[in-house]
Amino acid sequence: MIDVAVNGYGTIGKRVADAVKEQDDMQVVGVAKTRPNFEARNAVEQGYPLYAAVEDRAERFEEAGVEIEGPVEEMLAEADVVVDATPSGVGAQNSQMYEDYDVKALYQGGEDADVAERSFNAAANYGDCVDCDSVRVVSCNTTGLLRVLHPLERNHGVGKVRATLVRRGGDPSQHGRGPINDILPNPVSIPSHHAPDVRTVMDVDITTTGFKVPATLMHVHSLNVETSASRSEVLETLEGESRVRFLDADDGVESTAEIKEMMLDEGRPRGDAWENMVWRDSVSVDDGELYLFQAIHQESDVVPENVDAVRAVTGYEDGDESVRRTDDALGI
């Protein structure tokens, strides 16, 4: 049994903890929070041992009536792997602590690539990350791009890739980022950071541009990929990927809001969409160029990737089997 600690029990951390809990080969030995908010109370109610991420704030938990087990260092002493789901930049600050406690470390895409030995995507480079001491699970958008580009490259080859990312202004709970009434080139310079991030995992000629819009539910990508594949071959290839899901016109799902509603109706925890959501009608090939639209749920698509990364760094060599086990446990 792999003992997993989660440092940072927020948007990503709480989802990763719940996903780890569902696996038959790993368990959550603790989660850490910086303050005793509703998420900290929920962690205790869920039965997760709760630790103070910052030792000198431990008394705040006691004052708020939230029971903790001790400081984060005690949690690390119990763990084989720590998933760092702290805000961007904090993971790099924590890296020496993880080394001191000789615990394998998983970082999130908000960190710079050099925080870890490798960047990680289950489909694209699982094998390269086996037995690494640290990996960085790439961002939600980079994960979404790799899930499409890697199987296309593997089966058909790809040339130039151009991707426009329409990005949510903030997560649903990030009220500090709004209210907003704006469309923001983000960044104004080209490419956006996503193209270099993709290349930390996969050697591909890609240019990305990004816009932030006044929305909270999901991102949307418009992809243009040079390839020799026909439309039917593209569909066949991507239908073989468990973490790519097609939306059909007959389903009446034309927007990200309807995707979220569909996930809630299906009973997904928190309405999460772990897969890329590709509109089938958008898939077209014209003179060697593929076009498609896909929606990426920024709060959850990296969650199964974190689970697979736990197995990779602890020496589980079969990436395809890890993906199958993760997906089966989550219901993908």
Protein backbone atom coordinates (compact mmCIF):
# COMPACT_ATOMS: atom_id res chain seq x y z
CA MET A 1 0.00 0.00 0.00
CA ILE A 2 1.40 3.40 -1.03
CA ASP A 3 1.11 6.02 1.70
CA VAL A 4 0.18 9.36 0.15
CA ALA A 5 0.21 12.78 1.82
CA VAL A 6 -1.50 15.81 0.28
CA ASN A 7 0.00 19.18 1.14
CA GLY A 8 -2.64 21.74 0.24
CA TYR A 9 -6.28 20.69 0.56
CA GLY A 10 -7.87 23.16 -1.84
CA THR A 11 -9.28 22.92 -5.34
CA ILE A 12 -6.83 20.28 -6.57
CA GLY A 13 -5.70 18.76 -3.28
CA LYS A 14 -9.11 17.73 -2.04
CA ARG A 15 -9.90 16.12 -5.38
CA VAL A 16 -6.61 14.24 -5.44
CA ALA A 17 -7.16 13.03 -1.88
CA ASP A 18 -10.60 11.70 -2.78
CA ALA A 19 -9.22 10.00 -5.91
CA VAL A 20 -6.38 8.38 -3.97
CA LYS A 21 -8.90 7.15 -1.42
CA GLU A 22 -10.67 5.21 -4.19
CA GLN A 23 -7.54 3.32 -5.28
CA ASP A 24 -6.92 -0.22 -4.02
CA ASP A 25 -3.14 0.19 -3.82
CA MET A 26 -2.79 3.52 -1.99
CA GLN A 27 -4.14 5.40 1.00
CA VAL A 28 -4.20 8.97 2.29
CA VAL A 29 -2.07 9.31 5.44
CA GLY A 30 -2.84 12.98 5.87
CA VAL A 31 -3.72 16.32 4.34
CA ALA A 32 -2.34 19.73 5.29
CA LYS A 33 -3.97 23.15 5.39
CA THR A 34 -2.68 26.62 6.24
CA ARG A 35 -5.90 27.76 7.93
CA PRO A 36 -8.99 26.25 9.59
CA ASN A 37 -11.57 27.06 6.92
CA PHE A 38 -14.53 24.99 5.68
CA GLU A 39 -12.19 22.76 3.65
CA ALA A 40 -10.22 21.91 6.79
CA ARG A 41 -13.43 21.01 8.61
CA ASN A 42 -14.52 18.91 5.65
CA ALA A 43 -11.21 17.05 5.64
CA VAL A 44 -11.76 16.02 9.26
CA GLU A 45 -15.35 15.01 8.53
CA GLN A 46 -14.09 12.89 5.61
CA GLY A 47 -11.77 11.08 8.00
CA TYR A 48 -8.50 12.49 6.69
CA PRO A 49 -5.84 13.16 9.34
CA LEU A 50 -5.37 16.93 9.22
CA TYR A 51 -2.02 18.66 9.72
CA ALA A 52 -0.98 22.30 9.98
CA ALA A 53 0.96 23.29 6.87
CA VAL A 54 2.58 26.18 8.75
CA GLU A 55 3.66 25.27 12.28
CA ASP A 56 3.22 28.71 13.83
CA ARG A 57 -0.41 28.75 12.67
CA ALA A 58 -1.30 25.53 14.47
CA GLU A 59 -2.96 27.40 17.33
CA ARG A 60 -5.47 28.89 14.88
CA PHE A 61 -6.91 25.42 14.32
CA GLU A 62 -7.28 24.84 18.05
CA GLU A 63 -8.96 28.22 18.49
CA ALA A 64 -11.39 27.37 15.69
CA GLY A 65 -12.19 23.97 17.19
CA VAL A 66 -10.62 22.04 14.30
CA GLU A 67 -8.59 19.06 15.46
CA ILE A 68 -5.16 18.56 13.90
CA GLU A 69 -2.67 15.75 14.24
CA GLY A 70 0.40 17.99 14.30
CA PRO A 71 2.69 19.92 11.94
CA VAL A 72 3.15 19.02 8.28
CA GLU A 73 6.55 17.47 9.03
CA GLU A 74 4.88 14.69 11.03
CA MET A 75 2.67 13.94 8.02
CA LEU A 76 5.69 13.70 5.73
CA ALA A 77 7.33 11.24 8.11
CA GLU A 78 4.42 8.86 7.46
CA ALA A 79 4.35 9.22 3.67
CA ASP A 80 5.94 7.51 0.69
CA VAL A 81 4.74 10.24 -1.67
CA VAL A 82 3.58 13.80 -1.11
CA VAL A 83 1.29 15.53 -3.59
CA ASP A 84 2.04 19.24 -3.34
CA ALA A 85 -1.18 21.05 -4.25
CA THR A 86 -0.21 24.38 -2.76
CA PRO A 87 -0.53 27.71 -4.62
CA SER A 88 1.90 28.38 -7.46
CA GLY A 89 5.42 29.01 -6.21
CA VAL A 90 4.89 27.47 -2.78
CA GLY A 91 5.77 24.00 -4.04
CA ALA A 92 9.27 25.16 -4.95
CA GLN A 93 9.64 26.57 -1.45
CA ASN A 94 8.60 23.18 -0.02
CA SER A 95 10.97 21.12 -2.15
CA GLN A 96 13.87 21.12 0.33
CA MET A 97 11.54 19.94 3.10
CA TYR A 98 10.46 17.00 0.97
CA GLU A 99 14.09 16.12 0.26
CA ASP A 100 14.90 16.30 3.96
CA TYR A 101 12.15 13.78 4.73
CA ASP A 102 13.15 11.54 1.81
CA VAL A 103 9.64 11.53 0.38
CA LYS A 104 8.81 11.35 -3.32
CA ALA A 105 7.25 14.64 -4.43
CA LEU A 106 4.57 15.48 -7.00
CA TYR A 107 4.19 19.13 -7.98
CA GLN A 108 1.47 20.84 -10.01
CA GLY A 109 1.64 22.73 -13.28
CA GLY A 110 1.74 26.13 -11.62
CA GLU A 111 5.36 25.45 -10.67
CA ASP A 112 8.26 26.01 -13.04
CA ALA A 113 9.36 22.87 -14.86
CA ASP A 114 12.74 22.81 -13.13
CA VAL A 115 11.12 22.18 -9.73
CA ALA A 116 11.15 18.45 -10.52
CA GLU A 117 13.16 15.86 -12.41
CA ARG A 118 10.50 15.46 -15.09
CA SER A 119 7.19 16.88 -16.23
CA PHE A 120 4.51 14.17 -16.30
CA ASN A 121 1.60 13.11 -18.46
CA ALA A 122 0.29 9.58 -18.13
CA ALA A 123 -0.27 8.95 -21.85
CA ALA A 124 2.80 10.72 -23.17
CA ASN A 125 5.72 9.90 -20.86
CA TYR A 126 4.72 7.68 -17.95
CA GLY A 127 7.70 5.39 -18.49
CA ASP A 128 10.19 8.24 -18.32
CA CYS A 129 8.97 9.10 -14.82
CA VAL A 130 9.17 5.65 -13.21
CA ASP A 131 11.24 5.80 -10.01
CA CYS A 132 11.84 9.56 -10.26
CA ASP A 133 12.19 11.31 -6.92
CA SER A 134 10.01 14.17 -8.12
CA VAL A 135 7.72 14.94 -11.05
CA ARG A 136 5.59 17.89 -12.05
CA VAL A 137 2.10 17.05 -13.26
CA VAL A 138 1.62 19.57 -16.05
CA SER A 139 -1.20 22.11 -15.95
CA CYS A 140 -4.82 21.46 -16.84
CA ASN A 141 -4.47 23.03 -20.28
CA THR A 142 -1.19 21.28 -21.06
CA THR A 143 -2.71 17.98 -19.93
CA GLY A 144 -5.64 18.55 -22.27
CA LEU A 145 -3.38 19.33 -25.22
CA LEU A 146 -1.14 16.30 -24.62
CA ARG A 147 -4.09 13.90 -24.40
CA VAL A 148 -4.96 14.76 -27.99
CA LEU A 149 -1.57 15.47 -29.55
CA HIS A 150 0.34 12.46 -28.24
CA PRO A 151 -2.00 9.76 -29.63
CA LEU A 152 -2.23 11.62 -32.94
CA GLU A 153 1.57 11.82 -33.14
CA ARG A 154 1.92 8.16 -32.14
CA ASN A 155 -0.56 6.89 -34.74
CA HIS A 156 -0.36 9.36 -37.60
CA GLY A 157 2.36 11.93 -37.02
CA VAL A 158 1.71 15.62 -36.60
CA GLY A 159 3.28 18.72 -38.08
CA LYS A 160 2.67 22.25 -36.96
CA VAL A 161 0.16 22.68 -34.11
CA ARG A 162 -1.68 25.92 -33.44
CA ALA A 163 -3.91 26.16 -30.39
CA THR A 164 -6.03 29.04 -29.14
CA LEU A 165 -7.00 28.73 -25.49
CA VAL A 166 -10.09 30.49 -24.21
CA ARG A 167 -9.45 30.45 -20.48
CA ARG A 168 -11.80 30.97 -17.54
CA GLY A 169 -11.17 34.13 -15.57
CA GLY A 170 -11.14 32.20 -12.29
CA ASP A 171 -12.41 29.06 -10.61
CA PRO A 172 -15.99 29.21 -9.29
CA SER A 173 -14.84 29.97 -5.74
CA GLN A 174 -12.25 32.59 -6.69
CA HIS A 175 -14.46 35.61 -6.10
CA GLY A 176 -11.37 37.76 -5.70
CA ARG A 177 -10.89 37.62 -9.47
CA GLY A 178 -14.22 39.26 -10.22
CA PRO A 179 -16.69 40.57 -10.95
CA ILE A 180 -15.22 41.08 -14.42
CA ASN A 181 -16.49 42.31 -17.77
CA ASP A 182 -13.53 41.87 -20.04
CA ILE A 183 -11.71 39.77 -22.62
CA LEU A 184 -8.01 39.72 -21.84
CA PRO A 185 -5.23 38.49 -24.14
CA ASN A 186 -3.25 36.42 -21.66
CA PRO A 187 -0.46 36.91 -22.36
CA VAL A 188 -0.36 39.58 -25.03
CA SER A 189 2.93 38.09 -26.22
CA ILE A 190 2.97 34.93 -28.33
CA PRO A 191 3.30 32.07 -27.59
CA SER A 192 1.55 31.65 -24.28
CA HIS A 193 3.36 29.52 -21.69
CA HIS A 194 1.41 26.43 -22.73
CA ALA A 195 3.48 25.69 -25.86
CA PRO A 196 6.80 25.53 -23.98
CA ASP A 197 5.04 23.50 -21.30
CA VAL A 198 3.86 20.92 -23.84
CA ARG A 199 7.44 20.62 -25.07
CA THR A 200 8.64 19.66 -21.58
CA VAL A 201 6.85 16.36 -22.24
CA MET A 202 6.56 15.99 -26.02
CA ASP A 203 8.73 17.12 -28.93
CA VAL A 204 6.24 18.94 -31.16
CA ASP A 205 6.15 22.17 -33.15
CA ILE A 206 3.40 24.04 -31.33
CA THR A 207 2.34 27.65 -30.92
CA THR A 208 -0.33 28.63 -28.38
CA THR A 209 -2.24 31.82 -27.73
CA GLY A 210 -4.54 32.51 -24.82
CA PHE A 211 -7.45 34.68 -23.80
CA LYS A 212 -9.12 35.06 -20.41
CA VAL A 213 -12.88 35.56 -20.48
CA PRO A 214 -15.54 36.31 -17.83
CA ALA A 215 -16.39 32.67 -17.11
CA THR A 216 -15.58 30.21 -14.31
CA LEU A 217 -16.64 26.73 -15.41
CA MET A 218 -14.10 25.48 -17.96
CA HIS A 219 -11.51 26.31 -20.59
CA VAL A 220 -12.13 25.81 -24.33
CA HIS A 221 -9.41 25.02 -26.89
CA SER A 222 -9.52 25.57 -30.63
CA LEU A 223 -6.92 23.26 -32.18
CA ASN A 224 -5.41 23.26 -35.66
CA VAL A 225 -3.04 20.33 -36.28
CA GLU A 226 -1.20 19.39 -39.45
CA THR A 227 -1.62 15.64 -39.93
CA SER A 228 -1.95 12.99 -42.60
CA ALA A 229 -4.89 11.36 -40.81
CA SER A 230 -8.42 11.47 -42.18
CA ARG A 231 -11.35 12.56 -40.06
CA SER A 232 -12.40 8.96 -39.50
CA GLU A 233 -8.87 8.02 -38.45
CA VAL A 234 -8.72 10.93 -36.02
CA LEU A 235 -12.03 9.89 -34.49
CA GLU A 236 -10.94 6.26 -34.22
CA THR A 237 -7.65 7.22 -32.58
CA LEU A 238 -9.15 9.59 -30.03
CA GLU A 239 -12.07 7.28 -29.26
CA GLY A 240 -9.43 4.78 -28.12
CA GLU A 241 -8.24 7.21 -25.44
CA SER A 242 -10.12 6.72 -22.16
CA ARG A 243 -9.54 10.31 -21.09
CA VAL A 244 -10.97 11.81 -24.26
CA ARG A 245 -14.77 11.92 -24.40
CA PHE A 246 -16.85 12.97 -27.39
CA LEU A 247 -19.93 15.14 -27.19
CA ASP A 248 -22.53 14.49 -29.86
CA ALA A 249 -25.14 16.85 -31.28
CA ASP A 250 -27.95 14.53 -30.22
CA ASP A 251 -26.92 15.01 -26.58
CA GLY A 252 -27.73 18.71 -26.82
CA VAL A 253 -24.49 19.67 -25.08
CA GLU A 254 -23.39 22.84 -26.81
CA SER A 255 -21.70 24.75 -23.98
CA THR A 256 -19.45 24.33 -20.97
CA ALA A 257 -22.42 25.02 -18.69
CA GLU A 258 -24.26 22.06 -20.18
CA ILE A 259 -21.16 19.88 -19.77
CA LYS A 260 -21.11 20.70 -16.08
CA GLU A 261 -24.83 19.99 -15.81
CA MET A 262 -24.33 16.64 -17.54
CA MET A 263 -21.53 15.71 -15.14
CA LEU A 264 -23.73 16.59 -12.16
CA ASP A 265 -26.59 14.53 -13.59
CA GLU A 266 -24.21 11.58 -14.01
CA GLY A 267 -23.32 11.84 -10.34
CA ARG A 268 -19.73 12.92 -10.82
CA PRO A 269 -18.20 14.21 -7.56
CA ARG A 270 -18.40 18.02 -7.60
CA GLY A 271 -19.61 17.78 -11.21
CA ASP A 272 -16.04 17.04 -12.30
CA ALA A 273 -15.10 16.28 -15.90
CA TRP A 274 -11.85 14.31 -15.70
CA GLU A 275 -11.71 13.78 -19.46
CA ASN A 276 -11.17 16.12 -22.40
CA MET A 277 -14.63 16.96 -23.73
CA VAL A 278 -14.41 17.09 -27.54
CA TRP A 279 -17.31 18.25 -29.68
CA ARG A 280 -17.52 15.56 -32.37
CA ASP A 281 -19.12 17.93 -34.89
CA SER A 282 -16.10 20.22 -34.62
CA VAL A 283 -13.68 17.52 -35.80
CA SER A 284 -12.84 18.20 -39.42
CA VAL A 285 -9.87 17.64 -41.72
CA ASP A 286 -9.23 19.97 -44.64
CA ASP A 287 -6.19 19.61 -46.91
CA GLY A 288 -4.08 17.89 -44.25
CA GLU A 289 -5.16 20.11 -41.37
CA LEU A 290 -7.25 18.91 -38.43
CA TYR A 291 -9.57 21.26 -36.57
CA LEU A 292 -11.43 20.57 -33.34
CA PHE A 293 -12.90 22.21 -30.24
CA GLN A 294 -12.48 20.74 -26.78
CA ALA A 295 -13.47 21.79 -23.26
CA ILE A 296 -11.09 21.29 -20.33
CA HIS A 297 -12.31 21.27 -16.73
CA GLN A 298 -9.50 23.10 -14.97
CA GLU A 299 -10.45 21.88 -11.50
CA SER A 300 -10.27 18.17 -12.25
CA ASP A 301 -8.56 16.95 -15.42
CA VAL A 302 -5.18 16.65 -13.67
CA VAL A 303 -6.61 14.53 -10.86
CA PRO A 304 -6.24 11.10 -12.54
CA GLU A 305 -2.81 12.19 -13.76
CA ASN A 306 -1.71 12.76 -10.16
CA VAL A 307 -2.86 9.27 -9.22
CA ASP A 308 -0.87 7.74 -12.08
CA ALA A 309 2.14 9.85 -11.13
CA VAL A 310 2.02 8.38 -7.61
CA ARG A 311 2.39 4.92 -9.10
CA ALA A 312 5.13 6.00 -11.50
CA VAL A 313 7.43 7.53 -8.87
CA THR A 314 7.01 4.49 -6.61
CA GLY A 315 8.21 2.15 -9.36
CA TYR A 316 5.02 0.81 -10.95
CA GLU A 317 6.20 0.32 -14.51
CA ASP A 318 3.04 -0.45 -16.51
CA GLY A 319 1.61 2.94 -17.46
CA ASP A 320 -1.31 1.55 -19.44
CA GLU A 321 -2.34 -0.63 -16.51
CA SER A 322 -2.03 2.30 -14.11
CA VAL A 323 -4.36 4.37 -16.29
CA ARG A 324 -6.83 1.48 -16.41
CA ARG A 325 -6.76 1.05 -12.63
CA THR A 326 -7.18 4.75 -12.00
CA ASP A 327 -10.01 5.09 -14.49
CA ASP A 328 -11.82 2.02 -13.19
CA ALA A 329 -11.63 3.28 -9.62
CA LEU A 330 -12.95 6.73 -10.55
CA GLY A 331 -15.58 5.52 -12.98
CA ILE A 332 -14.06 7.04 -16.12
